[in-house]
Amino acid sequence: ILDQLLNVDEIHQGKQKELIKSYAIESLLKIYPYSEDKKRIDTFVKSQLESSNPKTRNMAACFLERCE
């Protein structure tokens, strides 16, 4: 599941891809405390701080506030 969430760019196409990333971040927030791959999650979320979608940017910022 983690690989699916982190590879949204390769899996989904179209203009809603950036919005889908916000939902991926929401899911990652729930599994983060139990994950053994926190570095990959952190890298993905930090890269979304520059997303063209405001919801995705906000979700990334919220994630980082809670998890760092």
Protein backbone atom coordinates (compact mmCIF):
# COMPACT_ATOMS: atom_id res chain seq x y z
CA ILE A 1 0.00 0.00 0.00
CA LEU A 2 2.80 2.40 0.86
CA ASP A 3 4.34 2.02 -2.60
CA GLN A 4 0.98 2.76 -4.22
CA LEU A 5 0.54 5.94 -2.19
CA LEU A 6 4.07 7.19 -2.83
CA ASN A 7 3.96 6.49 -6.57
CA VAL A 8 0.89 8.55 -7.40
CA ASP A 9 2.77 10.33 -10.20
CA GLU A 10 3.42 7.06 -12.02
CA ILE A 11 0.00 5.52 -11.35
CA HIS A 12 -2.46 8.36 -11.98
CA GLN A 13 -2.75 10.67 -14.94
CA GLY A 14 -4.80 13.74 -15.60
CA LYS A 15 -5.48 17.07 -14.03
CA GLN A 16 -6.74 15.67 -10.72
CA LYS A 17 -3.43 14.00 -9.88
CA GLU A 18 -2.39 16.82 -7.55
CA LEU A 19 -5.68 16.53 -5.65
CA ILE A 20 -5.27 12.77 -5.36
CA LYS A 21 -1.92 13.42 -3.67
CA SER A 22 -3.72 15.26 -0.86
CA TYR A 23 -5.74 12.12 -0.16
CA ALA A 24 -2.56 10.05 -0.28
CA ILE A 25 -1.00 12.37 2.33
CA GLU A 26 -4.10 12.00 4.50
CA SER A 27 -3.68 8.22 4.39
CA LEU A 28 0.05 8.47 5.06
CA LEU A 29 -0.69 10.52 8.16
CA LYS A 30 -2.62 7.58 9.57
CA ILE A 31 0.02 4.96 8.86
CA TYR A 32 3.11 7.09 9.57
CA PRO A 33 3.46 6.15 13.27
CA TYR A 34 3.58 2.46 12.30
CA SER A 35 5.73 2.75 9.19
CA GLU A 36 9.31 1.55 8.98
CA ASP A 37 9.91 3.76 5.94
CA LYS A 38 9.44 7.23 7.39
CA LYS A 39 12.19 8.77 5.24
CA ARG A 40 10.38 7.94 1.99
CA ILE A 41 7.14 9.31 3.39
CA ASP A 42 8.86 12.50 4.56
CA THR A 43 10.47 13.01 1.15
CA PHE A 44 7.15 12.58 -0.65
CA VAL A 45 5.27 14.92 1.69
CA LYS A 46 7.96 17.62 1.59
CA SER A 47 7.89 17.55 -2.20
CA GLN A 48 4.18 18.37 -2.06
CA LEU A 49 4.77 21.69 -0.28
CA GLU A 50 5.24 23.12 -3.79
CA SER A 51 2.16 21.45 -5.30
CA SER A 52 0.02 23.43 -7.70
CA ASN A 53 -3.03 22.33 -5.70
CA PRO A 54 -3.69 24.40 -2.54
CA LYS A 55 -5.37 21.49 -0.74
CA THR A 56 -2.33 19.32 -1.32
CA ARG A 57 0.05 22.06 -0.12
CA ASN A 58 -2.03 22.57 3.02
CA MET A 59 -2.26 18.84 3.71
CA ALA A 60 1.53 18.51 3.35
CA ALA A 61 2.10 21.39 5.78
CA CYS A 62 -0.37 19.88 8.26
CA PHE A 63 1.34 16.49 7.98
CA LEU A 64 4.76 17.99 8.68
CA GLU A 65 3.46 19.94 11.69
CA ARG A 66 2.06 16.78 13.24
CA CYS A 67 4.81 14.33 12.36
CA GLU A 68 8.08 16.21 12.74
